[in-house]
Amino acid sequence: MAELRTLQSRIKTLNTRRVNILKGEQRRVSGSARVSLKRHIWLRDAGQCRLCGRVVDLCDSELDHRIALQFGGGNEETNLWTLCTECHRQKSAREAASDMPDPTLPEVSGGSGREDDIIGL
């Protein structure tokens, strides 16, 4: 029986850690800036989940992008809101299943991000 040899690849491996983000794509806010922003948005939202209205502690809340970064959303305050962990889990699952923004979210008008700017709540 003949012995099989392993052939060397002619294609180089791409190091994706050094790939720059696409023009226009935004990075997630992290570190102390994220902690400060989460507190600011939580206070603006009066400590309530913007989907179900449940009052949540700052530690038990999620800072969420209404339109996720991967779908073209940004880090502007008008695109951020407070969600309880259950609503965040459900919203994220719907987006992952459909590979598109959650179609069940209330429409947003205006730009201040205040509760009266959200239609349907």
PDB file of N, CA and C in Angstrom:
ATOM      1  N   MET A   1       0.843  -1.161   0.000  1.00  0.00           N
ATOM      2  CA  MET A   1       0.000   0.000   0.000  1.00  0.00           C
ATOM      3  C   MET A   1       0.901   1.240   0.000  1.00  0.00           C
ATOM      4  N   ALA A   2       0.516   2.259  -0.755  1.00  0.00           N
ATOM      5  CA  ALA A   2       1.318   3.476  -0.873  1.00  0.00           C
ATOM      6  C   ALA A   2       1.124   4.364   0.353  1.00  0.00           C
ATOM      7  N   GLU A   3       2.170   5.076   0.694  1.00  0.00           N
ATOM      8  CA  GLU A   3       2.125   5.979   1.839  1.00  0.00           C
ATOM      9  C   GLU A   3       1.661   7.360   1.378  1.00  0.00           C
ATOM     10  N   LEU A   4       0.732   7.950   2.118  1.00  0.00           N
ATOM     11  CA  LEU A   4       0.223   9.276   1.778  1.00  0.00           C
ATOM     12  C   LEU A   4       1.132  10.352   2.363  1.00  0.00           C
ATOM     13  N   ARG A   5       1.344  11.419   1.573  1.00  0.00           N
ATOM     14  CA  ARG A   5       2.146  12.542   2.046  1.00  0.00           C
ATOM     15  C   ARG A   5       1.233  13.747   2.272  1.00  0.00           C
ATOM     16  N   THR A   6       1.601  14.576   3.213  1.00  0.00           N
ATOM     17  CA  THR A   6       0.875  15.821   3.442  1.00  0.00           C
ATOM     18  C   THR A   6       1.497  16.903   2.580  1.00  0.00           C
ATOM     19  N   LEU A   7       0.664  17.562   1.800  1.00  0.00           N
ATOM     20  CA  LEU A   7       1.149  18.629   0.936  1.00  0.00           C
ATOM     21  C   LEU A   7       1.148  19.952   1.692  1.00  0.00           C
ATOM     22  N   GLN A   8       2.139  20.784   1.418  1.00  0.00           N
ATOM     23  CA  GLN A   8       2.185  22.101   2.030  1.00  0.00           C
ATOM     24  C   GLN A   8       1.170  23.008   1.350  1.00  0.00           C
ATOM     25  N   SER A   9       0.560  23.839   2.140  1.00  0.00           N
ATOM     26  CA  SER A   9      -0.429  24.766   1.607  1.00  0.00           C
ATOM     27  C   SER A   9       0.259  25.866   0.812  1.00  0.00           C
ATOM     28  N   ARG A  10      -0.363  26.266  -0.283  1.00  0.00           N
ATOM     29  CA  ARG A  10       0.170  27.372  -1.074  1.00  0.00           C
ATOM     30  C   ARG A  10      -0.513  28.685  -0.700  1.00  0.00           C
ATOM     31  N   ILE A  11      -1.443  28.613   0.214  1.00  0.00           N
ATOM     32  CA  ILE A  11      -2.183  29.795   0.643  1.00  0.00           C
ATOM     33  C   ILE A  11      -1.722  30.181   2.044  1.00  0.00           C
ATOM     34  N   LYS A  12      -1.381  31.458   2.213  1.00  0.00           N
ATOM     35  CA  LYS A  12      -0.949  31.932   3.523  1.00  0.00           C
ATOM     36  C   LYS A  12      -2.161  32.144   4.426  1.00  0.00           C
ATOM     37  N   THR A  13      -1.951  31.969   5.713  1.00  0.00           N
ATOM     38  CA  THR A  13      -2.996  32.203   6.698  1.00  0.00           C
ATOM     39  C   THR A  13      -3.103  33.696   6.957  1.00  0.00           C
ATOM     40  N   LEU A  14      -4.321  34.205   6.998  1.00  0.00           N
ATOM     41  CA  LEU A  14      -4.567  35.623   7.232  1.00  0.00           C
ATOM     42  C   LEU A  14      -4.707  35.879   8.723  1.00  0.00           C
ATOM     43  N   ASN A  15      -3.916  36.800   9.234  1.00  0.00           N
ATOM     44  CA  ASN A  15      -4.000  37.187  10.637  1.00  0.00           C
ATOM     45  C   ASN A  15      -5.100  38.232  10.775  1.00  0.00           C
ATOM     46  N   THR A  16      -6.266  37.833  11.258  1.00  0.00           N
ATOM     47  CA  THR A  16      -7.414  38.741  11.334  1.00  0.00           C
ATOM     48  C   THR A  16      -7.319  39.712  12.505  1.00  0.00           C
ATOM     49  N   ARG A  17      -6.404  39.508  13.420  1.00  0.00           N
ATOM     50  CA  ARG A  17      -6.276  40.420  14.551  1.00  0.00           C
ATOM     51  C   ARG A  17      -5.767  41.792  14.119  1.00  0.00           C
ATOM     52  N   ARG A  18      -5.124  41.856  12.976  1.00  0.00           N
ATOM     53  CA  ARG A  18      -4.561  43.120  12.513  1.00  0.00           C
ATOM     54  C   ARG A  18      -5.421  43.786  11.449  1.00  0.00           C
ATOM     55  N   VAL A  19      -6.583  43.235  11.167  1.00  0.00           N
ATOM     56  CA  VAL A  19      -7.468  43.826  10.170  1.00  0.00           C
ATOM     57  C   VAL A  19      -8.168  45.023  10.799  1.00  0.00           C
ATOM     58  N   ASN A  20      -8.093  46.167  10.151  1.00  0.00           N
ATOM     59  CA  ASN A  20      -8.745  47.374  10.661  1.00  0.00           C
ATOM     60  C   ASN A  20     -10.245  47.282  10.444  1.00  0.00           C
ATOM     61  N   ILE A  21     -10.987  47.993  11.279  1.00  0.00           N
ATOM     62  CA  ILE A  21     -12.435  48.001  11.103  1.00  0.00           C
ATOM     63  C   ILE A  21     -12.773  48.706   9.801  1.00  0.00           C
ATOM     64  N   LEU A  22     -13.897  48.338   9.222  1.00  0.00           N
ATOM     65  CA  LEU A  22     -14.332  48.943   7.976  1.00  0.00           C
ATOM     66  C   LEU A  22     -14.646  50.414   8.175  1.00  0.00           C
ATOM     67  N   LYS A  23     -14.445  51.189   7.134  1.00  0.00           N
ATOM     68  CA  LYS A  23     -14.751  52.615   7.200  1.00  0.00           C
ATOM     69  C   LYS A  23     -16.235  52.782   7.523  1.00  0.00           C
ATOM     70  N   GLY A  24     -16.522  53.586   8.512  1.00  0.00           N
ATOM     71  CA  GLY A  24     -17.898  53.818   8.911  1.00  0.00           C
ATOM     72  C   GLY A  24     -18.380  52.888  10.012  1.00  0.00           C
ATOM     73  N   GLU A  25     -17.733  51.755  10.198  1.00  0.00           N
ATOM     74  CA  GLU A  25     -18.139  50.830  11.254  1.00  0.00           C
ATOM     75  C   GLU A  25     -17.677  51.386  12.593  1.00  0.00           C
ATOM     76  N   GLN A  26     -18.476  51.201  13.611  1.00  0.00           N
ATOM     77  CA  GLN A  26     -18.129  51.728  14.925  1.00  0.00           C
ATOM     78  C   GLN A  26     -17.760  50.599  15.869  1.00  0.00           C
ATOM     79  N   ARG A  27     -16.866  50.912  16.761  1.00  0.00           N
ATOM     80  CA  ARG A  27     -16.472  49.946  17.784  1.00  0.00           C
ATOM     81  C   ARG A  27     -17.371  50.093  19.000  1.00  0.00           C
ATOM     82  N   ARG A  28     -17.440  49.033  19.768  1.00  0.00           N
ATOM     83  CA  ARG A  28     -18.193  49.079  21.015  1.00  0.00           C
ATOM     84  C   ARG A  28     -17.463  49.966  22.015  1.00  0.00           C
ATOM     85  N   VAL A  29     -18.229  50.638  22.842  1.00  0.00           N
ATOM     86  CA  VAL A  29     -17.665  51.449  23.916  1.00  0.00           C
ATOM     87  C   VAL A  29     -17.242  50.485  25.015  1.00  0.00           C
ATOM     88  N   SER A  30     -16.053  50.678  25.574  1.00  0.00           N
ATOM     89  CA  SER A  30     -15.583  49.743  26.598  1.00  0.00           C
ATOM     90  C   SER A  30     -14.910  50.498  27.742  1.00  0.00           C
ATOM     91  N   GLY A  31     -14.583  49.764  28.782  1.00  0.00           N
ATOM     92  CA  GLY A  31     -13.865  50.315  29.921  1.00  0.00           C
ATOM     93  C   GLY A  31     -14.685  51.301  30.731  1.00  0.00           C
ATOM     94  N   SER A  32     -13.990  52.282  31.292  1.00  0.00           N
ATOM     95  CA  SER A  32     -14.657  53.260  32.156  1.00  0.00           C
ATOM     96  C   SER A  32     -15.644  54.125  31.376  1.00  0.00           C
ATOM     97  N   ALA A  33     -15.382  54.335  30.081  1.00  0.00           N
ATOM     98  CA  ALA A  33     -16.320  55.107  29.255  1.00  0.00           C
ATOM     99  C   ALA A  33     -17.658  54.383  29.162  1.00  0.00           C
ATOM    100  N   ARG A  34     -17.620  53.044  29.071  1.00  0.00           N
ATOM    101  CA  ARG A  34     -18.854  52.257  28.992  1.00  0.00           C
ATOM    102  C   ARG A  34     -19.621  52.327  30.312  1.00  0.00           C
ATOM    103  N   VAL A  35     -18.903  52.215  31.420  1.00  0.00           N
ATOM    104  CA  VAL A  35     -19.546  52.275  32.738  1.00  0.00           C
ATOM    105  C   VAL A  35     -20.242  53.622  32.916  1.00  0.00           C
ATOM    106  N   SER A  36     -19.555  54.694  32.560  1.00  0.00           N
ATOM    107  CA  SER A  36     -20.125  56.037  32.672  1.00  0.00           C
ATOM    108  C   SER A  36     -21.332  56.210  31.751  1.00  0.00           C
ATOM    109  N   LEU A  37     -21.212  55.723  30.525  1.00  0.00           N
ATOM    110  CA  LEU A  37     -22.310  55.832  29.562  1.00  0.00           C
ATOM    111  C   LEU A  37     -23.520  55.012  30.007  1.00  0.00           C
ATOM    112  N   LYS A  38     -23.276  53.808  30.530  1.00  0.00           N
ATOM    113  CA  LYS A  38     -24.375  52.960  31.006  1.00  0.00           C
ATOM    114  C   LYS A  38     -25.143  53.664  32.122  1.00  0.00           C
ATOM    115  N   ARG A  39     -24.412  54.268  33.049  1.00  0.00           N
ATOM    116  CA  ARG A  39     -25.063  54.985  34.153  1.00  0.00           C
ATOM    117  C   ARG A  39     -25.872  56.171  33.621  1.00  0.00           C
ATOM    118  N   HIS A  40     -25.295  56.918  32.689  1.00  0.00           N
ATOM    119  CA  HIS A  40     -25.977  58.080  32.110  1.00  0.00           C
ATOM    120  C   HIS A  40     -27.283  57.668  31.420  1.00  0.00           C
ATOM    121  N   ILE A  41     -27.240  56.599  30.620  1.00  0.00           N
ATOM    122  CA  ILE A  41     -28.429  56.129  29.896  1.00  0.00           C
ATOM    123  C   ILE A  41     -29.449  55.565  30.882  1.00  0.00           C
ATOM    124  N   TRP A  42     -28.988  54.839  31.897  1.00  0.00           N
ATOM    125  CA  TRP A  42     -29.880  54.278  32.920  1.00  0.00           C
ATOM    126  C   TRP A  42     -30.617  55.402  33.655  1.00  0.00           C
ATOM    127  N   LEU A  43     -29.908  56.476  33.992  1.00  0.00           N
ATOM    128  CA  LEU A  43     -30.550  57.620  34.652  1.00  0.00           C
ATOM    129  C   LEU A  43     -31.542  58.292  33.714  1.00  0.00           C
ATOM    130  N   ARG A  44     -31.169  58.473  32.451  1.00  0.00           N
ATOM    131  CA  ARG A  44     -32.072  59.079  31.467  1.00  0.00           C
ATOM    132  C   ARG A  44     -33.359  58.265  31.343  1.00  0.00           C
ATOM    133  N   ASP A  45     -33.218  56.928  31.380  1.00  0.00           N
ATOM    134  CA  ASP A  45     -34.364  56.032  31.240  1.00  0.00           C
ATOM    135  C   ASP A  45     -35.077  55.777  32.569  1.00  0.00           C
ATOM    136  N   ALA A  46     -34.721  56.531  33.601  1.00  0.00           N
ATOM    137  CA  ALA A  46     -35.342  56.436  34.930  1.00  0.00           C
ATOM    138  C   ALA A  46     -35.248  55.030  35.513  1.00  0.00           C
ATOM    139  N   GLY A  47     -34.180  54.313  35.174  1.00  0.00           N
ATOM    140  CA  GLY A  47     -33.966  52.982  35.732  1.00  0.00           C
ATOM    141  C   GLY A  47     -34.986  51.952  35.293  1.00  0.00           C
ATOM    142  N   GLN A  48     -35.625  52.181  34.146  1.00  0.00           N
ATOM    143  CA  GLN A  48     -36.650  51.256  33.658  1.00  0.00           C
ATOM    144  C   GLN A  48     -36.222  50.607  32.351  1.00  0.00           C
ATOM    145  N   CYS A  49     -36.624  49.353  32.182  1.00  0.00           N
ATOM    146  CA  CYS A  49     -36.454  48.666  30.903  1.00  0.00           C
ATOM    147  C   CYS A  49     -37.337  49.380  29.891  1.00  0.00           C
ATOM    148  N   ARG A  50     -36.779  49.757  28.756  1.00  0.00           N
ATOM    149  CA  ARG A  50     -37.532  50.520  27.763  1.00  0.00           C
ATOM    150  C   ARG A  50     -38.473  49.648  26.942  1.00  0.00           C
ATOM    151  N   LEU A  51     -38.406  48.330  27.108  1.00  0.00           N
ATOM    152  CA  LEU A  51     -39.346  47.460  26.396  1.00  0.00           C
ATOM    153  C   LEU A  51     -40.511  47.023  27.271  1.00  0.00           C
ATOM    154  N   CYS A  52     -40.223  46.542  28.484  1.00  0.00           N
ATOM    155  CA  CYS A  52     -41.314  46.035  29.323  1.00  0.00           C
ATOM    156  C   CYS A  52     -41.697  46.989  30.450  1.00  0.00           C
ATOM    157  N   GLY A  53     -40.874  48.015  30.714  1.00  0.00           N
ATOM    158  CA  GLY A  53     -41.189  48.995  31.743  1.00  0.00           C
ATOM    159  C   GLY A  53     -40.778  48.607  33.149  1.00  0.00           C
ATOM    160  N   ARG A  54     -40.190  47.426  33.305  1.00  0.00           N
ATOM    161  CA  ARG A  54     -39.779  46.962  34.627  1.00  0.00           C
ATOM    162  C   ARG A  54     -38.658  47.840  35.179  1.00  0.00           C
ATOM    163  N   VAL A  55     -38.715  48.173  36.464  1.00  0.00           N
ATOM    164  CA  VAL A  55     -37.648  48.922  37.125  1.00  0.00           C
ATOM    165  C   VAL A  55     -36.493  47.960  37.380  1.00  0.00           C
ATOM    166  N   VAL A  56     -35.286  48.372  36.980  1.00  0.00           N
ATOM    167  CA  VAL A  56     -34.105  47.513  37.135  1.00  0.00           C
ATOM    168  C   VAL A  56     -32.986  48.291  37.815  1.00  0.00           C
ATOM    169  N   ASP A  57     -32.217  47.588  38.645  1.00  0.00           N
ATOM    170  CA  ASP A  57     -31.026  48.186  39.241  1.00  0.00           C
ATOM    171  C   ASP A  57     -29.992  48.409  38.149  1.00  0.00           C
ATOM    172  N   LEU A  58     -29.112  49.354  38.370  1.00  0.00           N
ATOM    173  CA  LEU A  58     -28.056  49.628  37.401  1.00  0.00           C
ATOM    174  C   LEU A  58     -27.237  48.370  37.123  1.00  0.00           C
ATOM    175  N   CYS A  59     -26.913  47.628  38.177  1.00  0.00           N
ATOM    176  CA  CYS A  59     -26.099  46.410  38.020  1.00  0.00           C
ATOM    177  C   CYS A  59     -26.829  45.310  37.256  1.00  0.00           C
ATOM    178  N   ASP A  60     -28.155  45.286  37.345  1.00  0.00           N
ATOM    179  CA  ASP A  60     -28.943  44.235  36.695  1.00  0.00           C
ATOM    180  C   ASP A  60     -29.493  44.658  35.340  1.00  0.00           C
ATOM    181  N   SER A  61     -29.083  45.828  34.860  1.00  0.00           N
ATOM    182  CA  SER A  61     -29.590  46.312  33.576  1.00  0.00           C
ATOM    183  C   SER A  61     -28.571  46.064  32.468  1.00  0.00           C
ATOM    184  N   GLU A  62     -29.042  46.155  31.242  1.00  0.00           N
ATOM    185  CA  GLU A  62     -28.183  46.003  30.069  1.00  0.00           C
ATOM    186  C   GLU A  62     -28.210  47.295  29.272  1.00  0.00           C
ATOM    187  N   LEU A  63     -27.040  47.795  28.912  1.00  0.00           N
ATOM    188  CA  LEU A  63     -26.936  48.924  27.986  1.00  0.00           C
ATOM    189  C   LEU A  63     -26.991  48.322  26.590  1.00  0.00           C
ATOM    190  N   ASP A  64     -28.046  48.637  25.848  1.00  0.00           N
ATOM    191  CA  ASP A  64     -28.279  47.981  24.559  1.00  0.00           C
ATOM    192  C   ASP A  64     -28.340  48.999  23.434  1.00  0.00           C
ATOM    193  N   HIS A  65     -27.869  48.576  22.260  1.00  0.00           N
ATOM    194  CA  HIS A  65     -28.026  49.378  21.045  1.00  0.00           C
ATOM    195  C   HIS A  65     -29.385  49.030  20.452  1.00  0.00           C
ATOM    196  N   ARG A  66     -30.241  50.028  20.244  1.00  0.00           N
ATOM    197  CA  ARG A  66     -31.537  49.767  19.597  1.00  0.00           C
ATOM    198  C   ARG A  66     -31.296  49.096  18.254  1.00  0.00           C
ATOM    199  N   ILE A  67     -30.452  49.712  17.430  1.00  0.00           N
ATOM    200  CA  ILE A  67     -30.003  49.094  16.185  1.00  0.00           C
ATOM    201  C   ILE A  67     -28.559  48.681  16.430  1.00  0.00           C
ATOM    202  N   ALA A  68     -28.291  47.388  16.408  1.00  0.00           N
ATOM    203  CA  ALA A  68     -26.960  46.865  16.721  1.00  0.00           C
ATOM    204  C   ALA A  68     -25.901  47.420  15.775  1.00  0.00           C
ATOM    205  N   LEU A  69     -24.664  47.488  16.271  1.00  0.00           N
ATOM    206  CA  LEU A  69     -23.563  47.996  15.459  1.00  0.00           C
ATOM    207  C   LEU A  69     -23.430  47.223  14.153  1.00  0.00           C
ATOM    208  N   GLN A  70     -23.611  45.907  14.209  1.00  0.00           N
ATOM    209  CA  GLN A  70     -23.454  45.098  12.997  1.00  0.00           C
ATOM    210  C   GLN A  70     -24.533  45.369  11.956  1.00  0.00           C
ATOM    211  N   PHE A  71     -25.617  46.025  12.366  1.00  0.00           N
ATOM    212  CA  PHE A  71     -26.694  46.359  11.428  1.00  0.00           C
ATOM    213  C   PHE A  71     -26.677  47.844  11.060  1.00  0.00           C
ATOM    214  N   GLY A  72     -25.594  48.527  11.401  1.00  0.00           N
ATOM    215  CA  GLY A  72     -25.443  49.922  11.012  1.00  0.00           C
ATOM    216  C   GLY A  72     -25.762  50.934  12.090  1.00  0.00           C
ATOM    217  N   GLY A  73     -26.110  50.472  13.291  1.00  0.00           N
ATOM    218  CA  GLY A  73     -26.372  51.392  14.389  1.00  0.00           C
ATOM    219  C   GLY A  73     -25.084  52.005  14.902  1.00  0.00           C
ATOM    220  N   GLY A  74     -25.208  53.043  15.691  1.00  0.00           N
ATOM    221  CA  GLY A  74     -24.036  53.724  16.229  1.00  0.00           C
ATOM    222  C   GLY A  74     -24.066  53.779  17.739  1.00  0.00           C
ATOM    223  N   ASN A  75     -23.089  54.469  18.297  1.00  0.00           N
ATOM    224  CA  ASN A  75     -22.979  54.614  19.746  1.00  0.00           C
ATOM    225  C   ASN A  75     -23.604  55.909  20.254  1.00  0.00           C
ATOM    226  N   GLU A  76     -24.433  56.557  19.433  1.00  0.00           N
ATOM    227  CA  GLU A  76     -25.097  57.786  19.855  1.00  0.00           C
ATOM    228  C   GLU A  76     -26.103  57.476  20.960  1.00  0.00           C
ATOM    229  N   GLU A  77     -26.328  58.454  21.824  1.00  0.00           N
ATOM    230  CA  GLU A  77     -27.281  58.257  22.920  1.00  0.00           C
ATOM    231  C   GLU A  77     -28.669  57.902  22.409  1.00  0.00           C
ATOM    232  N   THR A  78     -29.045  58.411  21.251  1.00  0.00           N
ATOM    233  CA  THR A  78     -30.372  58.120  20.701  1.00  0.00           C
ATOM    234  C   THR A  78     -30.504  56.670  20.260  1.00  0.00           C
ATOM    235  N   ASN A  79     -29.388  55.958  20.114  1.00  0.00           N
ATOM    236  CA  ASN A  79     -29.423  54.551  19.718  1.00  0.00           C
ATOM    237  C   ASN A  79     -29.168  53.625  20.909  1.00  0.00           C
ATOM    238  N   LEU A  80     -29.062  54.180  22.095  1.00  0.00           N
ATOM    239  CA  LEU A  80     -28.803  53.381  23.296  1.00  0.00           C
ATOM    240  C   LEU A  80     -29.998  53.458  24.227  1.00  0.00           C
ATOM    241  N   TRP A  81     -30.268  52.342  24.900  1.00  0.00           N
ATOM    242  CA  TRP A  81     -31.344  52.327  25.875  1.00  0.00           C
ATOM    243  C   TRP A  81     -31.088  51.252  26.913  1.00  0.00           C
ATOM    244  N   THR A  82     -31.824  51.354  28.008  1.00  0.00           N
ATOM    245  CA  THR A  82     -31.719  50.411  29.111  1.00  0.00           C
ATOM    246  C   THR A  82     -32.718  49.286  28.897  1.00  0.00           C
ATOM    247  N   LEU A  83     -32.242  48.051  29.029  1.00  0.00           N
ATOM    248  CA  LEU A  83     -33.124  46.885  28.973  1.00  0.00           C
ATOM    249  C   LEU A  83     -32.876  46.015  30.192  1.00  0.00           C
ATOM    250  N   CYS A  84     -33.919  45.304  30.632  1.00  0.00           N
ATOM    251  CA  CYS A  84     -33.718  44.285  31.658  1.00  0.00           C
ATOM    252  C   CYS A  84     -33.025  43.101  30.979  1.00  0.00           C
ATOM    253  N   THR A  85     -32.448  42.216  31.761  1.00  0.00           N
ATOM    254  CA  THR A  85     -31.689  41.110  31.171  1.00  0.00           C
ATOM    255  C   THR A  85     -32.578  40.195  30.326  1.00  0.00           C
ATOM    256  N   GLU A  86     -33.823  40.001  30.729  1.00  0.00           N
ATOM    257  CA  GLU A  86     -34.721  39.116  29.971  1.00  0.00           C
ATOM    258  C   GLU A  86     -35.076  39.713  28.609  1.00  0.00           C
ATOM    259  N   CYS A  87     -35.436  40.992  28.570  1.00  0.00           N
ATOM    260  CA  CYS A  87     -35.757  41.634  27.285  1.00  0.00           C
ATOM    261  C   CYS A  87     -34.526  41.675  26.382  1.00  0.00           C
ATOM    262  N   HIS A  88     -33.353  41.922  26.975  1.00  0.00           N
ATOM    263  CA  HIS A  88     -32.115  41.946  26.192  1.00  0.00           C
ATOM    264  C   HIS A  88     -31.832  40.570  25.598  1.00  0.00           C
ATOM    265  N   ARG A  89     -32.021  39.527  26.400  1.00  0.00           N
ATOM    266  CA  ARG A  89     -31.790  38.163  25.917  1.00  0.00           C
ATOM    267  C   ARG A  89     -32.724  37.837  24.759  1.00  0.00           C
ATOM    268  N   GLN A  90     -33.996  38.183  24.905  1.00  0.00           N
ATOM    269  CA  GLN A  90     -34.975  37.894  23.852  1.00  0.00           C
ATOM    270  C   GLN A  90     -34.694  38.690  22.581  1.00  0.00           C
ATOM    271  N   LYS A  91     -34.355  39.969  22.724  1.00  0.00           N
ATOM    272  CA  LYS A  91     -34.049  40.815  21.562  1.00  0.00           C
ATOM    273  C   LYS A  91     -32.822  40.272  20.828  1.00  0.00           C
ATOM    274  N   SER A  92     -31.788  39.927  21.586  1.00  0.00           N
ATOM    275  CA  SER A  92     -30.564  39.396  20.978  1.00  0.00           C
ATOM    276  C   SER A  92     -30.826  38.076  20.263  1.00  0.00           C
ATOM    277  N   ALA A  93     -31.668  37.225  20.843  1.00  0.00           N
ATOM    278  CA  ALA A  93     -31.994  35.938  20.221  1.00  0.00           C
ATOM    279  C   ALA A  93     -32.753  36.138  18.912  1.00  0.00           C
ATOM    280  N   ARG A  94     -33.698  37.082  18.891  1.00  0.00           N
ATOM    281  CA  ARG A  94     -34.441  37.358  17.649  1.00  0.00           C
ATOM    282  C   ARG A  94     -33.509  37.876  16.561  1.00  0.00           C
ATOM    283  N   GLU A  95     -32.572  38.754  16.936  1.00  0.00           N
ATOM    284  CA  GLU A  95     -31.628  39.289  15.953  1.00  0.00           C
ATOM    285  C   GLU A  95     -30.685  38.208  15.443  1.00  0.00           C
ATOM    286  N   ALA A  96     -30.239  37.330  16.331  1.00  0.00           N
ATOM    287  CA  ALA A  96     -29.339  36.256  15.913  1.00  0.00           C
ATOM    288  C   ALA A  96     -30.051  35.268  14.997  1.00  0.00           C
ATOM    289  N   ALA A  97     -31.316  34.994  15.281  1.00  0.00           N
ATOM    290  CA  ALA A  97     -32.073  34.033  14.471  1.00  0.00           C
ATOM    291  C   ALA A  97     -32.379  34.568  13.078  1.00  0.00           C
ATOM    292  N   SER A  98     -32.621  35.872  12.972  1.00  0.00           N
ATOM    293  CA  SER A  98     -33.013  36.438  11.678  1.00  0.00           C
ATOM    294  C   SER A  98     -31.860  37.117  10.951  1.00  0.00           C
ATOM    295  N   ASP A  99     -30.733  37.320  11.637  1.00  0.00           N
ATOM    296  CA  ASP A  99     -29.567  38.011  11.078  1.00  0.00           C
ATOM    297  C   ASP A  99     -29.944  39.389  10.541  1.00  0.00           C
ATOM    298  N   MET A 100     -30.854  40.045  11.251  1.00  0.00           N
ATOM    299  CA  MET A 100     -31.268  41.405  10.904  1.00  0.00           C
ATOM    300  C   MET A 100     -31.807  42.081  12.155  1.00  0.00           C
ATOM    301  N   PRO A 101     -31.962  43.419  12.134  1.00  0.00           N
ATOM    302  CA  PRO A 101     -32.490  44.092  13.330  1.00  0.00           C
ATOM    303  C   PRO A 101     -33.847  43.529  13.739  1.00  0.00           C
ATOM    304  N   ASP A 102     -34.101  43.545  15.025  1.00  0.00           N
ATOM    305  CA  ASP A 102     -35.342  43.003  15.576  1.00  0.00           C
ATOM    306  C   ASP A 102     -36.542  43.777  15.032  1.00  0.00           C
ATOM    307  N   PRO A 103     -37.411  43.124  14.263  1.00  0.00           N
ATOM    308  CA  PRO A 103     -38.560  43.821  13.682  1.00  0.00           C
ATOM    309  C   PRO A 103     -39.665  44.133  14.686  1.00  0.00           C
ATOM    310  N   THR A 104     -39.601  43.600  15.897  1.00  0.00           N
ATOM    311  CA  THR A 104     -40.658  43.821  16.881  1.00  0.00           C
ATOM    312  C   THR A 104     -40.418  45.060  17.738  1.00  0.00           C
ATOM    313  N   LEU A 105     -39.296  45.759  17.541  1.00  0.00           N
ATOM    314  CA  LEU A 105     -38.996  46.930  18.363  1.00  0.00           C
ATOM    315  C   LEU A 105     -39.915  48.087  18.017  1.00  0.00           C
ATOM    316  N   PRO A 106     -40.254  48.906  19.022  1.00  0.00           N
ATOM    317  CA  PRO A 106     -41.055  50.099  18.730  1.00  0.00           C
ATOM    318  C   PRO A 106     -40.253  51.057  17.860  1.00  0.00           C
ATOM    319  N   GLU A 107     -40.956  51.829  17.029  1.00  0.00           N
ATOM    320  CA  GLU A 107     -40.286  52.808  16.180  1.00  0.00           C
ATOM    321  C   GLU A 107     -39.766  53.947  17.040  1.00  0.00           C
ATOM    322  N   VAL A 108     -38.705  54.582  16.581  1.00  0.00           N
ATOM    323  CA  VAL A 108     -38.117  55.697  17.306  1.00  0.00           C
ATOM    324  C   VAL A 108     -38.250  56.939  16.453  1.00  0.00           C
ATOM    325  N   SER A 109     -38.729  58.010  17.050  1.00  0.00           N
ATOM    326  CA  SER A 109     -38.805  59.285  16.343  1.00  0.00           C
ATOM    327  C   SER A 109     -38.016  60.312  17.125  1.00  0.00           C
ATOM    328  N   GLY A 110     -37.779  61.461  16.535  1.00  0.00           N
ATOM    329  CA  GLY A 110     -37.033  62.504  17.230  1.00  0.00           C
ATOM    330  C   GLY A 110     -35.597  62.094  17.428  1.00  0.00           C
ATOM    331  N   GLY A 111     -34.918  62.734  18.366  1.00  0.00           N
ATOM    332  CA  GLY A 111     -33.526  62.410  18.535  1.00  0.00           C
ATOM    333  C   GLY A 111     -33.024  62.502  19.954  1.00  0.00           C
ATOM    334  N   SER A 112     -33.892  62.839  20.890  1.00  0.00           N
ATOM    335  CA  SER A 112     -33.400  63.038  22.249  1.00  0.00           C
ATOM    336  C   SER A 112     -33.272  61.733  23.014  1.00  0.00           C
ATOM    337  N   GLY A 113     -33.947  60.677  22.567  1.00  0.00           N
ATOM    338  CA  GLY A 113     -33.899  59.413  23.272  1.00  0.00           C
ATOM    339  C   GLY A 113     -34.791  59.371  24.492  1.00  0.00           C
ATOM    340  N   ARG A 114     -35.604  60.418  24.707  1.00  0.00           N
ATOM    341  CA  ARG A 114     -36.504  60.422  25.857  1.00  0.00           C
ATOM    342  C   ARG A 114     -37.669  59.475  25.607  1.00  0.00           C
ATOM    343  N   GLU A 115     -38.343  59.109  26.681  1.00  0.00           N
ATOM    344  CA  GLU A 115     -39.446  58.159  26.585  1.00  0.00           C
ATOM    345  C   GLU A 115     -40.532  58.630  25.633  1.00  0.00           C
ATOM    346  N   ASP A 116     -40.804  59.952  25.576  1.00  0.00           N
ATOM    347  CA  ASP A 116     -41.863  60.432  24.697  1.00  0.00           C
ATOM    348  C   ASP A 116     -41.466  60.395  23.225  1.00  0.00           C
ATOM    349  N   ASP A 117     -40.200  60.085  22.937  1.00  0.00           N
ATOM    350  CA  ASP A 117     -39.747  59.942  21.553  1.00  0.00           C
ATOM    351  C   ASP A 117     -39.938  58.520  21.037  1.00  0.00           C
ATOM    352  N   ILE A 118     -40.301  57.605  21.899  1.00  0.00           N
ATOM    353  CA  ILE A 118     -40.462  56.214  21.484  1.00  0.00           C
ATOM    354  C   ILE A 118     -41.942  55.953  21.264  1.00  0.00           C
ATOM    355  N   ILE A 119     -42.291  55.634  20.050  1.00  0.00           N
ATOM    356  CA  ILE A 119     -43.684  55.382  19.687  1.00  0.00           C
ATOM    357  C   ILE A 119     -44.036  53.962  20.097  1.00  0.00           C
ATOM    358  N   GLY A 120     -45.134  53.804  20.751  1.00  0.00           N
ATOM    359  CA  GLY A 120     -45.594  52.465  21.091  1.00  0.00           C
ATOM    360  C   GLY A 120     -45.350  52.072  22.530  1.00  0.00           C
ATOM    361  N   LEU A 121     -44.700  52.911  23.307  1.00  0.00           N
ATOM    362  CA  LEU A 121     -44.501  52.576  24.719  1.00  0.00           C
ATOM    363  C   LEU A 121     -45.441  53.384  25.572  1.00  0.00           C
TER     364      LEU A 121
END
